[in-house]
PDB file of all heavy atoms in Angstrom:
ATOM      1  N   VAL A   1       0.824  -1.215   0.000  1.00  0.00           N
ATOM      2  CA  VAL A   1       0.000   0.000   0.000  1.00  0.00           C
ATOM      3  C   VAL A   1       0.862   1.270   0.000  1.00  0.00           C
ATOM      4  O   VAL A   1       0.456   2.296  -0.522  1.00  0.00           O
ATOM      5  CB  VAL A   1      -0.914   0.005   1.258  1.00  0.00           C
ATOM      6  CG1 VAL A   1      -1.891   1.158   1.196  1.00  0.00           C
ATOM      7  CG2 VAL A   1      -1.663  -1.298   1.370  1.00  0.00           C
ATOM      8  N   GLU A   2       2.071   1.176   0.589  1.00  0.00           N
ATOM      9  CA  GLU A   2       2.925   2.373   0.690  1.00  0.00           C
ATOM     10  C   GLU A   2       3.328   2.913  -0.678  1.00  0.00           C
ATOM     11  O   GLU A   2       3.762   4.058  -0.793  1.00  0.00           O
ATOM     12  CB  GLU A   2       4.202   2.047   1.485  1.00  0.00           C
ATOM     13  CG  GLU A   2       3.974   1.989   2.988  1.00  0.00           C
ATOM     14  CD  GLU A   2       5.287   1.818   3.748  1.00  0.00           C
ATOM     15  OE1 GLU A   2       6.351   1.756   3.089  1.00  0.00           O
ATOM     16  OE2 GLU A   2       5.253   1.744   4.979  1.00  0.00           O
ATOM     17  N   THR A   3       3.216   2.074  -1.725  1.00  0.00           N
ATOM     18  CA  THR A   3       3.646   2.515  -3.059  1.00  0.00           C
ATOM     19  C   THR A   3       2.866   3.739  -3.523  1.00  0.00           C
ATOM     20  O   THR A   3       3.417   4.637  -4.146  1.00  0.00           O
ATOM     21  CB  THR A   3       3.441   1.367  -4.086  1.00  0.00           C
ATOM     22  OG1 THR A   3       3.891   0.166  -3.500  1.00  0.00           O
ATOM     23  CG2 THR A   3       4.194   1.651  -5.361  1.00  0.00           C
ATOM     24  N   TRP A   4       1.568   3.808  -3.180  1.00  0.00           N
ATOM     25  CA  TRP A   4       0.742   4.924  -3.671  1.00  0.00           C
ATOM     26  C   TRP A   4       1.195   6.263  -3.086  1.00  0.00           C
ATOM     27  O   TRP A   4       1.469   7.205  -3.833  1.00  0.00           O
ATOM     28  CB  TRP A   4      -0.748   4.671  -3.355  1.00  0.00           C
ATOM     29  CG  TRP A   4      -1.279   3.448  -4.041  1.00  0.00           C
ATOM     30  CD1 TRP A   4      -1.611   2.263  -3.456  1.00  0.00           C
ATOM     31  CD2 TRP A   4      -1.497   3.284  -5.436  1.00  0.00           C
ATOM     32  NE1 TRP A   4      -2.021   1.361  -4.397  1.00  0.00           N
ATOM     33  CE2 TRP A   4      -1.967   1.961  -5.630  1.00  0.00           C
ATOM     34  CE3 TRP A   4      -1.340   4.110  -6.536  1.00  0.00           C
ATOM     35  CZ2 TRP A   4      -2.286   1.455  -6.875  1.00  0.00           C
ATOM     36  CZ3 TRP A   4      -1.661   3.617  -7.791  1.00  0.00           C
ATOM     37  CH2 TRP A   4      -2.130   2.305  -7.951  1.00  0.00           C
ATOM     38  N   PRO A   5       1.280   6.388  -1.740  1.00  0.00           N
ATOM     39  CA  PRO A   5       1.751   7.676  -1.222  1.00  0.00           C
ATOM     40  C   PRO A   5       3.196   8.001  -1.632  1.00  0.00           C
ATOM     41  O   PRO A   5       3.551   9.163  -1.807  1.00  0.00           O
ATOM     42  CB  PRO A   5       1.641   7.530   0.301  1.00  0.00           C
ATOM     43  CG  PRO A   5       1.251   6.147   0.587  1.00  0.00           C
ATOM     44  CD  PRO A   5       0.807   5.500  -0.669  1.00  0.00           C
ATOM     45  N   TYR A   6       4.016   6.942  -1.828  1.00  0.00           N
ATOM     46  CA  TYR A   6       5.399   7.163  -2.286  1.00  0.00           C
ATOM     47  C   TYR A   6       5.386   7.836  -3.653  1.00  0.00           C
ATOM     48  O   TYR A   6       6.115   8.789  -3.912  1.00  0.00           O
ATOM     49  CB  TYR A   6       6.097   5.804  -2.346  1.00  0.00           C
ATOM     50  CG  TYR A   6       7.581   5.851  -2.633  1.00  0.00           C
ATOM     51  CD1 TYR A   6       8.500   6.010  -1.610  1.00  0.00           C
ATOM     52  CD2 TYR A   6       8.058   5.712  -3.936  1.00  0.00           C
ATOM     53  CE1 TYR A   6       9.866   6.027  -1.863  1.00  0.00           C
ATOM     54  CE2 TYR A   6       9.411   5.731  -4.200  1.00  0.00           C
ATOM     55  CZ  TYR A   6      10.313   5.892  -3.167  1.00  0.00           C
ATOM     56  OH  TYR A   6      11.660   5.917  -3.421  1.00  0.00           O
ATOM     57  N   ARG A   7       4.503   7.329  -4.525  1.00  0.00           N
ATOM     58  CA  ARG A   7       4.380   7.939  -5.866  1.00  0.00           C
ATOM     59  C   ARG A   7       3.778   9.335  -5.788  1.00  0.00           C
ATOM     60  O   ARG A   7       4.060  10.191  -6.634  1.00  0.00           O
ATOM     61  CB  ARG A   7       3.503   7.052  -6.752  1.00  0.00           C
ATOM     62  CG  ARG A   7       4.252   5.830  -7.208  1.00  0.00           C
ATOM     63  CD  ARG A   7       3.489   5.067  -8.255  1.00  0.00           C
ATOM     64  NE  ARG A   7       4.351   4.049  -8.844  1.00  0.00           N
ATOM     65  CZ  ARG A   7       3.907   2.941  -9.395  1.00  0.00           C
ATOM     66  NH1 ARG A   7       2.612   2.711  -9.435  1.00  0.00           N
ATOM     67  NH2 ARG A   7       4.736   2.066  -9.919  1.00  0.00           N
ATOM     68  N   ALA A   8       2.929   9.547  -4.783  1.00  0.00           N
ATOM     69  CA  ALA A   8       2.306  10.875  -4.636  1.00  0.00           C
ATOM     70  C   ALA A   8       3.378  11.939  -4.402  1.00  0.00           C
ATOM     71  O   ALA A   8       3.294  13.047  -4.935  1.00  0.00           O
ATOM     72  CB  ALA A   8       1.315  10.860  -3.477  1.00  0.00           C
ATOM     73  N   VAL A   9       4.416  11.589  -3.609  1.00  0.00           N
ATOM     74  CA  VAL A   9       5.519  12.545  -3.385  1.00  0.00           C
ATOM     75  C   VAL A   9       6.238  12.811  -4.709  1.00  0.00           C
ATOM     76  O   VAL A   9       6.586  13.947  -5.039  1.00  0.00           O
ATOM     77  CB  VAL A   9       6.521  12.007  -2.327  1.00  0.00           C
ATOM     78  CG1 VAL A   9       7.692  12.957  -2.169  1.00  0.00           C
ATOM     79  CG2 VAL A   9       5.830  11.823  -0.991  1.00  0.00           C
ATOM     80  N   ALA A  10       6.455  11.734  -5.491  1.00  0.00           N
ATOM     81  CA  ALA A  10       7.114  11.891  -6.799  1.00  0.00           C
ATOM     82  C   ALA A  10       6.308  12.825  -7.697  1.00  0.00           C
ATOM     83  O   ALA A  10       6.865  13.705  -8.361  1.00  0.00           O
ATOM     84  CB  ALA A  10       7.282  10.526  -7.453  1.00  0.00           C
ATOM     85  N   ASP A  11       4.980  12.660  -7.703  1.00  0.00           N
ATOM     86  CA  ASP A  11       4.131  13.551  -8.520  1.00  0.00           C
ATOM     87  C   ASP A  11       4.181  14.980  -7.991  1.00  0.00           C
ATOM     88  O   ASP A  11       4.206  15.944  -8.769  1.00  0.00           O
ATOM     89  CB  ASP A  11       2.676  13.064  -8.499  1.00  0.00           C
ATOM     90  CG  ASP A  11       2.508  11.759  -9.273  1.00  0.00           C
ATOM     91  OD1 ASP A  11       3.345  11.508 -10.168  1.00  0.00           O
ATOM     92  OD2 ASP A  11       1.562  10.999  -8.969  1.00  0.00           O
ATOM     93  N   ALA A  12       4.182  15.133  -6.666  1.00  0.00           N
ATOM     94  CA  ALA A  12       4.160  16.477  -6.066  1.00  0.00           C
ATOM     95  C   ALA A  12       5.411  17.264  -6.428  1.00  0.00           C
ATOM     96  O   ALA A  12       5.376  18.490  -6.565  1.00  0.00           O
ATOM     97  CB  ALA A  12       4.024  16.369  -4.550  1.00  0.00           C
ATOM     98  N   MET A  13       6.556  16.570  -6.585  1.00  0.00           N
ATOM     99  CA  MET A  13       7.819  17.263  -6.895  1.00  0.00           C
ATOM    100  C   MET A  13       7.744  18.046  -8.207  1.00  0.00           C
ATOM    101  O   MET A  13       8.462  19.011  -8.401  1.00  0.00           O
ATOM    102  CB  MET A  13       8.966  16.244  -6.992  1.00  0.00           C
ATOM    103  CG  MET A  13       9.391  15.708  -5.668  1.00  0.00           C
ATOM    104  SD  MET A  13      10.103  16.984  -4.638  1.00  0.00           S
ATOM    105  CE  MET A  13       9.939  16.237  -3.046  1.00  0.00           C
ATOM    106  N   GLU A  14       6.859  17.558  -9.109  1.00  0.00           N
ATOM    107  CA  GLU A  14       6.775  18.226 -10.419  1.00  0.00           C
ATOM    108  C   GLU A  14       6.138  19.601 -10.325  1.00  0.00           C
ATOM    109  O   GLU A  14       6.114  20.342 -11.302  1.00  0.00           O
ATOM    110  CB  GLU A  14       5.976  17.359 -11.401  1.00  0.00           C
ATOM    111  CG  GLU A  14       6.715  16.105 -11.815  1.00  0.00           C
ATOM    112  CD  GLU A  14       5.997  15.357 -12.928  1.00  0.00           C
ATOM    113  OE1 GLU A  14       4.979  15.888 -13.424  1.00  0.00           O
ATOM    114  OE2 GLU A  14       6.448  14.264 -13.296  1.00  0.00           O
ATOM    115  N   VAL A  15       5.604  19.973  -9.146  1.00  0.00           N
ATOM    116  CA  VAL A  15       4.905  21.252  -9.042  1.00  0.00           C
ATOM    117  C   VAL A  15       5.855  22.436  -9.269  1.00  0.00           C
ATOM    118  O   VAL A  15       5.462  23.460  -9.813  1.00  0.00           O
ATOM    119  CB  VAL A  15       4.181  21.379  -7.676  1.00  0.00           C
ATOM    120  CG1 VAL A  15       5.159  21.598  -6.528  1.00  0.00           C
ATOM    121  CG2 VAL A  15       3.191  22.528  -7.702  1.00  0.00           C
ATOM    122  N   ILE A  16       7.144  22.276  -8.885  1.00  0.00           N
ATOM    123  CA  ILE A  16       8.085  23.402  -9.024  1.00  0.00           C
ATOM    124  C   ILE A  16       8.357  23.715 -10.502  1.00  0.00           C
ATOM    125  O   ILE A  16       8.125  24.838 -10.948  1.00  0.00           O
ATOM    126  CB  ILE A  16       9.398  23.132  -8.248  1.00  0.00           C
ATOM    127  CG1 ILE A  16       9.103  22.910  -6.761  1.00  0.00           C
ATOM    128  CG2 ILE A  16      10.398  24.274  -8.444  1.00  0.00           C
ATOM    129  CD1 ILE A  16       8.728  24.121  -5.958  1.00  0.00           C
ATOM    130  N   PRO A  17       8.820  22.709 -11.331  1.00  0.00           N
ATOM    131  CA  PRO A  17       8.988  23.036 -12.755  1.00  0.00           C
ATOM    132  C   PRO A  17       7.678  23.457 -13.426  1.00  0.00           C
ATOM    133  O   PRO A  17       7.667  24.364 -14.272  1.00  0.00           O
ATOM    134  CB  PRO A  17       9.544  21.747 -13.371  1.00  0.00           C
ATOM    135  CG  PRO A  17       9.423  20.686 -12.334  1.00  0.00           C
ATOM    136  CD  PRO A  17       9.336  21.371 -11.025  1.00  0.00           C
ATOM    137  N   ARG A  18       6.545  22.830 -13.013  1.00  0.00           N
ATOM    138  CA  ARG A  18       5.263  23.190 -13.638  1.00  0.00           C
ATOM    139  C   ARG A  18       4.921  24.652 -13.359  1.00  0.00           C
ATOM    140  O   ARG A  18       4.500  25.393 -14.251  1.00  0.00           O
ATOM    141  CB  ARG A  18       4.152  22.273 -13.120  1.00  0.00           C
ATOM    142  CG  ARG A  18       2.838  22.462 -13.888  1.00  0.00           C
ATOM    143  CD  ARG A  18       1.655  21.762 -13.279  1.00  0.00           C
ATOM    144  NE  ARG A  18       1.988  20.491 -12.680  1.00  0.00           N
ATOM    145  CZ  ARG A  18       1.662  20.156 -11.442  1.00  0.00           C
ATOM    146  NH1 ARG A  18       1.013  21.003 -10.666  1.00  0.00           N
ATOM    147  NH2 ARG A  18       1.991  18.988 -10.948  1.00  0.00           N
ATOM    148  N   THR A  19       5.114  25.061 -12.092  1.00  0.00           N
ATOM    149  CA  THR A  19       4.797  26.445 -11.730  1.00  0.00           C
ATOM    150  C   THR A  19       5.706  27.422 -12.472  1.00  0.00           C
ATOM    151  O   THR A  19       5.269  28.489 -12.915  1.00  0.00           O
ATOM    152  CB  THR A  19       4.962  26.643 -10.197  1.00  0.00           C
ATOM    153  OG1 THR A  19       4.180  25.662  -9.531  1.00  0.00           O
ATOM    154  CG2 THR A  19       4.508  28.019  -9.773  1.00  0.00           C
ATOM    155  N   LEU A  20       6.990  27.058 -12.637  1.00  0.00           N
ATOM    156  CA  LEU A  20       7.923  27.931 -13.377  1.00  0.00           C
ATOM    157  C   LEU A  20       7.443  28.130 -14.812  1.00  0.00           C
ATOM    158  O   LEU A  20       7.483  29.244 -15.339  1.00  0.00           O
ATOM    159  CB  LEU A  20       9.329  27.317 -13.382  1.00  0.00           C
ATOM    160  CG  LEU A  20      10.159  27.485 -12.108  1.00  0.00           C
ATOM    161  CD1 LEU A  20      11.410  26.632 -12.175  1.00  0.00           C
ATOM    162  CD2 LEU A  20      10.535  28.939 -11.897  1.00  0.00           C
ATOM    163  N   VAL A  21       6.988  27.033 -15.436  1.00  0.00           N
ATOM    164  CA  VAL A  21       6.497  27.132 -16.824  1.00  0.00           C
ATOM    165  C   VAL A  21       5.239  27.991 -16.871  1.00  0.00           C
ATOM    166  O   VAL A  21       5.100  28.881 -17.720  1.00  0.00           O
ATOM    167  CB  VAL A  21       6.206  25.723 -17.402  1.00  0.00           C
ATOM    168  CG1 VAL A  21       5.655  25.835 -18.816  1.00  0.00           C
ATOM    169  CG2 VAL A  21       7.459  24.877 -17.395  1.00  0.00           C
ATOM    170  N   GLN A  22       4.318  27.752 -15.933  1.00  0.00           N
ATOM    171  CA  GLN A  22       3.057  28.511 -15.929  1.00  0.00           C
ATOM    172  C   GLN A  22       3.310  30.003 -15.712  1.00  0.00           C
ATOM    173  O   GLN A  22       2.706  30.847 -16.371  1.00  0.00           O
ATOM    174  CB  GLN A  22       2.128  27.967 -14.841  1.00  0.00           C
ATOM    175  CG  GLN A  22       1.509  26.624 -15.210  1.00  0.00           C
ATOM    176  CD  GLN A  22       0.846  25.945 -14.019  1.00  0.00           C
ATOM    177  OE1 GLN A  22       1.056  26.332 -12.874  1.00  0.00           O
ATOM    178  NE2 GLN A  22       0.051  24.913 -14.276  1.00  0.00           N
ATOM    179  N   ASN A  23       4.215  30.336 -14.788  1.00  0.00           N
ATOM    180  CA  ASN A  23       4.474  31.747 -14.493  1.00  0.00           C
ATOM    181  C   ASN A  23       5.149  32.466 -15.652  1.00  0.00           C
ATOM    182  O   ASN A  23       5.062  33.680 -15.763  1.00  0.00           O
ATOM    183  CB  ASN A  23       5.348  31.886 -13.235  1.00  0.00           C
ATOM    184  CG  ASN A  23       4.564  31.576 -11.972  1.00  0.00           C
ATOM    185  OD1 ASN A  23       3.353  31.398 -12.024  1.00  0.00           O
ATOM    186  ND2 ASN A  23       5.248  31.517 -10.849  1.00  0.00           N
ATOM    187  N   SER A  24       5.863  31.699 -16.512  1.00  0.00           N
ATOM    188  CA  SER A  24       6.501  32.363 -17.658  1.00  0.00           C
ATOM    189  C   SER A  24       5.611  32.301 -18.895  1.00  0.00           C
ATOM    190  O   SER A  24       6.023  32.700 -19.987  1.00  0.00           O
ATOM    191  CB  SER A  24       7.854  31.720 -17.945  1.00  0.00           C
ATOM    192  OG  SER A  24       7.679  30.352 -18.220  1.00  0.00           O
ATOM    193  N   GLY A  25       4.395  31.781 -18.716  1.00  0.00           N
ATOM    194  CA  GLY A  25       3.420  31.798 -19.829  1.00  0.00           C
ATOM    195  C   GLY A  25       3.630  30.685 -20.833  1.00  0.00           C
ATOM    196  O   GLY A  25       3.191  30.786 -21.975  1.00  0.00           O
ATOM    197  N   GLY A  26       4.321  29.591 -20.445  1.00  0.00           N
ATOM    198  CA  GLY A  26       4.566  28.493 -21.388  1.00  0.00           C
ATOM    199  C   GLY A  26       3.480  27.438 -21.335  1.00  0.00           C
ATOM    200  O   GLY A  26       2.538  27.524 -20.553  1.00  0.00           O
ATOM    201  N   ASN A  27       3.653  26.410 -22.164  1.00  0.00           N
ATOM    202  CA  ASN A  27       2.705  25.292 -22.210  1.00  0.00           C
ATOM    203  C   ASN A  27       3.205  24.214 -21.245  1.00  0.00           C
ATOM    204  O   ASN A  27       4.157  23.493 -21.534  1.00  0.00           O
ATOM    205  CB  ASN A  27       2.627  24.742 -23.642  1.00  0.00           C
ATOM    206  CG  ASN A  27       1.612  23.605 -23.759  1.00  0.00           C
ATOM    207  OD1 ASN A  27       1.346  22.896 -22.795  1.00  0.00           O
ATOM    208  ND2 ASN A  27       1.052  23.440 -24.945  1.00  0.00           N
ATOM    209  N   ALA A  28       2.562  24.103 -20.087  1.00  0.00           N
ATOM    210  CA  ALA A  28       3.064  23.251 -19.008  1.00  0.00           C
ATOM    211  C   ALA A  28       3.138  21.787 -19.428  1.00  0.00           C
ATOM    212  O   ALA A  28       4.141  21.110 -19.163  1.00  0.00           O
ATOM    213  CB  ALA A  28       2.185  23.407 -17.769  1.00  0.00           C
ATOM    214  N   ILE A  29       2.098  21.273 -20.093  1.00  0.00           N
ATOM    215  CA  ILE A  29       2.051  19.832 -20.405  1.00  0.00           C
ATOM    216  C   ILE A  29       3.183  19.462 -21.361  1.00  0.00           C
ATOM    217  O   ILE A  29       3.928  18.507 -21.135  1.00  0.00           O
ATOM    218  CB  ILE A  29       0.676  19.452 -21.007  1.00  0.00           C
ATOM    219  CG1 ILE A  29      -0.405  19.681 -19.951  1.00  0.00           C
ATOM    220  CG2 ILE A  29       0.677  18.003 -21.479  1.00  0.00           C
ATOM    221  CD1 ILE A  29      -1.808  19.550 -20.447  1.00  0.00           C
ATOM    222  N   ARG A  30       3.347  20.251 -22.440  1.00  0.00           N
ATOM    223  CA  ARG A  30       4.371  19.928 -23.446  1.00  0.00           C
ATOM    224  C   ARG A  30       5.781  20.011 -22.836  1.00  0.00           C
ATOM    225  O   ARG A  30       6.603  19.112 -23.002  1.00  0.00           O
ATOM    226  CB  ARG A  30       4.261  20.892 -24.624  1.00  0.00           C
ATOM    227  CG  ARG A  30       5.263  20.571 -25.724  1.00  0.00           C
ATOM    228  CD  ARG A  30       5.130  21.526 -26.879  1.00  0.00           C
ATOM    229  NE  ARG A  30       3.798  21.464 -27.471  1.00  0.00           N
ATOM    230  CZ  ARG A  30       3.227  22.475 -28.127  1.00  0.00           C
ATOM    231  NH1 ARG A  30       3.840  23.630 -28.231  1.00  0.00           N
ATOM    232  NH2 ARG A  30       2.026  22.346 -28.654  1.00  0.00           N
ATOM    233  N   VAL A  31       6.044  21.104 -22.093  1.00  0.00           N
ATOM    234  CA  VAL A  31       7.391  21.319 -21.541  1.00  0.00           C
ATOM    235  C   VAL A  31       7.730  20.244 -20.515  1.00  0.00           C
ATOM    236  O   VAL A  31       8.835  19.694 -20.512  1.00  0.00           O
ATOM    237  CB  VAL A  31       7.495  22.725 -20.902  1.00  0.00           C
ATOM    238  CG1 VAL A  31       8.834  22.903 -20.188  1.00  0.00           C
ATOM    239  CG2 VAL A  31       7.340  23.804 -21.968  1.00  0.00           C
ATOM    240  N   LEU A  32       6.756  19.894 -19.644  1.00  0.00           N
ATOM    241  CA  LEU A  32       7.031  18.883 -18.619  1.00  0.00           C
ATOM    242  C   LEU A  32       7.267  17.514 -19.251  1.00  0.00           C
ATOM    243  O   LEU A  32       8.097  16.745 -18.755  1.00  0.00           O
ATOM    244  CB  LEU A  32       5.874  18.800 -17.619  1.00  0.00           C
ATOM    245  CG  LEU A  32       5.843  19.901 -16.551  1.00  0.00           C
ATOM    246  CD1 LEU A  32       4.714  19.657 -15.571  1.00  0.00           C
ATOM    247  CD2 LEU A  32       7.146  19.974 -15.786  1.00  0.00           C
ATOM    248  N   THR A  33       6.569  17.209 -20.350  1.00  0.00           N
ATOM    249  CA  THR A  33       6.791  15.925 -21.037  1.00  0.00           C
ATOM    250  C   THR A  33       8.210  15.863 -21.590  1.00  0.00           C
ATOM    251  O   THR A  33       8.913  14.863 -21.436  1.00  0.00           O
ATOM    252  CB  THR A  33       5.762  15.743 -22.180  1.00  0.00           C
ATOM    253  OG1 THR A  33       4.457  15.966 -21.644  1.00  0.00           O
ATOM    254  CG2 THR A  33       5.834  14.348 -22.766  1.00  0.00           C
ATOM    255  N   GLU A  34       8.647  16.960 -22.228  1.00  0.00           N
ATOM    256  CA  GLU A  34      10.023  17.013 -22.758  1.00  0.00           C
ATOM    257  C   GLU A  34      11.034  16.851 -21.621  1.00  0.00           C
ATOM    258  O   GLU A  34      12.021  16.119 -21.742  1.00  0.00           O
ATOM    259  CB  GLU A  34      10.271  18.359 -23.457  1.00  0.00           C
ATOM    260  CG  GLU A  34       9.555  18.535 -24.775  1.00  0.00           C
ATOM    261  CD  GLU A  34       9.747  19.949 -25.341  1.00  0.00           C
ATOM    262  OE1 GLU A  34      10.760  20.589 -24.986  1.00  0.00           O
ATOM    263  OE2 GLU A  34       8.900  20.402 -26.119  1.00  0.00           O
ATOM    264  N   LEU A  35      10.777  17.561 -20.511  1.00  0.00           N
ATOM    265  CA  LEU A  35      11.713  17.552 -19.381  1.00  0.00           C
ATOM    266  C   LEU A  35      11.793  16.153 -18.758  1.00  0.00           C
ATOM    267  O   LEU A  35      12.874  15.666 -18.424  1.00  0.00           O
ATOM    268  CB  LEU A  35      11.248  18.576 -18.331  1.00  0.00           C
ATOM    269  CG  LEU A  35      12.213  18.902 -17.192  1.00  0.00           C
ATOM    270  CD1 LEU A  35      13.547  19.379 -17.734  1.00  0.00           C
ATOM    271  CD2 LEU A  35      11.635  19.982 -16.275  1.00  0.00           C
ATOM    272  N   ARG A  36      10.626  15.502 -18.653  1.00  0.00           N
ATOM    273  CA  ARG A  36      10.589  14.158 -18.076  1.00  0.00           C
ATOM    274  C   ARG A  36      11.401  13.193 -18.939  1.00  0.00           C
ATOM    275  O   ARG A  36      12.131  12.348 -18.425  1.00  0.00           O
ATOM    276  CB  ARG A  36       9.125  13.698 -17.983  1.00  0.00           C
ATOM    277  CG  ARG A  36       8.820  12.958 -16.700  1.00  0.00           C
ATOM    278  CD  ARG A  36       7.362  12.596 -16.577  1.00  0.00           C
ATOM    279  NE  ARG A  36       6.532  13.659 -16.054  1.00  0.00           N
ATOM    280  CZ  ARG A  36       5.484  14.194 -16.684  1.00  0.00           C
ATOM    281  NH1 ARG A  36       5.114  13.741 -17.865  1.00  0.00           N
ATOM    282  NH2 ARG A  36       4.786  15.152 -16.147  1.00  0.00           N
ATOM    283  N   ALA A  37      11.279  13.353 -20.253  1.00  0.00           N
ATOM    284  CA  ALA A  37      12.014  12.475 -21.184  1.00  0.00           C
ATOM    285  C   ALA A  37      13.522  12.658 -21.005  1.00  0.00           C
ATOM    286  O   ALA A  37      14.284  11.683 -20.985  1.00  0.00           O
ATOM    287  CB  ALA A  37      11.610  12.791 -22.621  1.00  0.00           C
ATOM    288  N   LYS A  38      13.944  13.908 -20.864  1.00  0.00           N
ATOM    289  CA  LYS A  38      15.380  14.193 -20.666  1.00  0.00           C
ATOM    290  C   LYS A  38      15.889  13.508 -19.393  1.00  0.00           C
ATOM    291  O   LYS A  38      16.951  12.896 -19.382  1.00  0.00           O
ATOM    292  CB  LYS A  38      15.615  15.702 -20.558  1.00  0.00           C
ATOM    293  CG  LYS A  38      15.483  16.450 -21.873  1.00  0.00           C
ATOM    294  CD  LYS A  38      16.755  16.349 -22.674  1.00  0.00           C
ATOM    295  CE  LYS A  38      16.676  17.180 -23.950  1.00  0.00           C
ATOM    296  NZ  LYS A  38      17.718  16.790 -24.909  1.00  0.00           N
ATOM    297  N   HIS A  39      15.114  13.668 -18.300  1.00  0.00           N
ATOM    298  CA  HIS A  39      15.551  13.100 -17.020  1.00  0.00           C
ATOM    299  C   HIS A  39      15.505  11.579 -17.041  1.00  0.00           C
ATOM    300  O   HIS A  39      16.316  10.922 -16.384  1.00  0.00           O
ATOM    301  CB  HIS A  39      14.692  13.649 -15.878  1.00  0.00           C
ATOM    302  CG  HIS A  39      15.118  15.018 -15.439  1.00  0.00           C
ATOM    303  ND1 HIS A  39      16.015  15.228 -14.420  1.00  0.00           N
ATOM    304  CD2 HIS A  39      14.803  16.243 -15.898  1.00  0.00           C
ATOM    305  CE1 HIS A  39      16.218  16.534 -14.270  1.00  0.00           C
ATOM    306  NE2 HIS A  39      15.486  17.167 -15.153  1.00  0.00           N
ATOM    307  N   ALA A  40      14.552  10.999 -17.797  1.00  0.00           N
ATOM    308  CA  ALA A  40      14.476   9.537 -17.903  1.00  0.00           C
ATOM    309  C   ALA A  40      15.724   8.991 -18.588  1.00  0.00           C
ATOM    310  O   ALA A  40      16.150   7.863 -18.323  1.00  0.00           O
ATOM    311  CB  ALA A  40      13.225   9.138 -18.684  1.00  0.00           C
ATOM    312  N   ASN A  41      16.358   9.801 -19.451  1.00  0.00           N
ATOM    313  CA  ASN A  41      17.606   9.397 -20.118  1.00  0.00           C
ATOM    314  C   ASN A  41      18.829   9.663 -19.254  1.00  0.00           C
ATOM    315  O   ASN A  41      19.965   9.524 -19.708  1.00  0.00           O
ATOM    316  CB  ASN A  41      17.783  10.164 -21.443  1.00  0.00           C
ATOM    317  CG  ASN A  41      16.785   9.697 -22.483  1.00  0.00           C
ATOM    318  OD1 ASN A  41      16.262   8.587 -22.361  1.00  0.00           O
ATOM    319  ND2 ASN A  41      16.525  10.522 -23.478  1.00  0.00           N
ATOM    320  N   GLY A  42      18.598  10.134 -18.020  1.00  0.00           N
ATOM    321  CA  GLY A  42      19.724  10.373 -17.114  1.00  0.00           C
ATOM    322  C   GLY A  42      20.358  11.745 -17.248  1.00  0.00           C
ATOM    323  O   GLY A  42      21.415  12.016 -16.677  1.00  0.00           O
ATOM    324  N   GLU A  43      19.724  12.651 -18.029  1.00  0.00           N
ATOM    325  CA  GLU A  43      20.282  14.008 -18.173  1.00  0.00           C
ATOM    326  C   GLU A  43      19.680  14.890 -17.076  1.00  0.00           C
ATOM    327  O   GLU A  43      18.732  15.640 -17.295  1.00  0.00           O
ATOM    328  CB  GLU A  43      19.958  14.561 -19.570  1.00  0.00           C
ATOM    329  CG  GLU A  43      20.607  13.736 -20.677  1.00  0.00           C
ATOM    330  CD  GLU A  43      20.215  14.242 -22.061  1.00  0.00           C
ATOM    331  OE1 GLU A  43      20.243  15.469 -22.275  1.00  0.00           O
ATOM    332  OE2 GLU A  43      19.862  13.419 -22.915  1.00  0.00           O
ATOM    333  N   HIS A  44      20.255  14.800 -15.874  1.00  0.00           N
ATOM    334  CA  HIS A  44      19.643  15.417 -14.692  1.00  0.00           C
ATOM    335  C   HIS A  44      19.880  16.913 -14.581  1.00  0.00           C
ATOM    336  O   HIS A  44      19.375  17.549 -13.667  1.00  0.00           O
ATOM    337  CB  HIS A  44      20.148  14.732 -13.418  1.00  0.00           C
ATOM    338  CG  HIS A  44      19.731  13.312 -13.320  1.00  0.00           C
ATOM    339  ND1 HIS A  44      18.431  12.914 -13.510  1.00  0.00           N
ATOM    340  CD2 HIS A  44      20.444  12.183 -13.066  1.00  0.00           C
ATOM    341  CE1 HIS A  44      18.357  11.599 -13.385  1.00  0.00           C
ATOM    342  NE2 HIS A  44      19.560  11.129 -13.120  1.00  0.00           N
TER     343      HIS A  44
END
């Protein structure tokens, strides 16, 4: 059962990059998808 709240923290972390994109007037969904792909490849 702990897996769900553990993932919730992982999802919550995305709020910082999402808010940065929103405040600069960008497209949050597209930019976060690109960013996630970069990090999945180990480009931290």
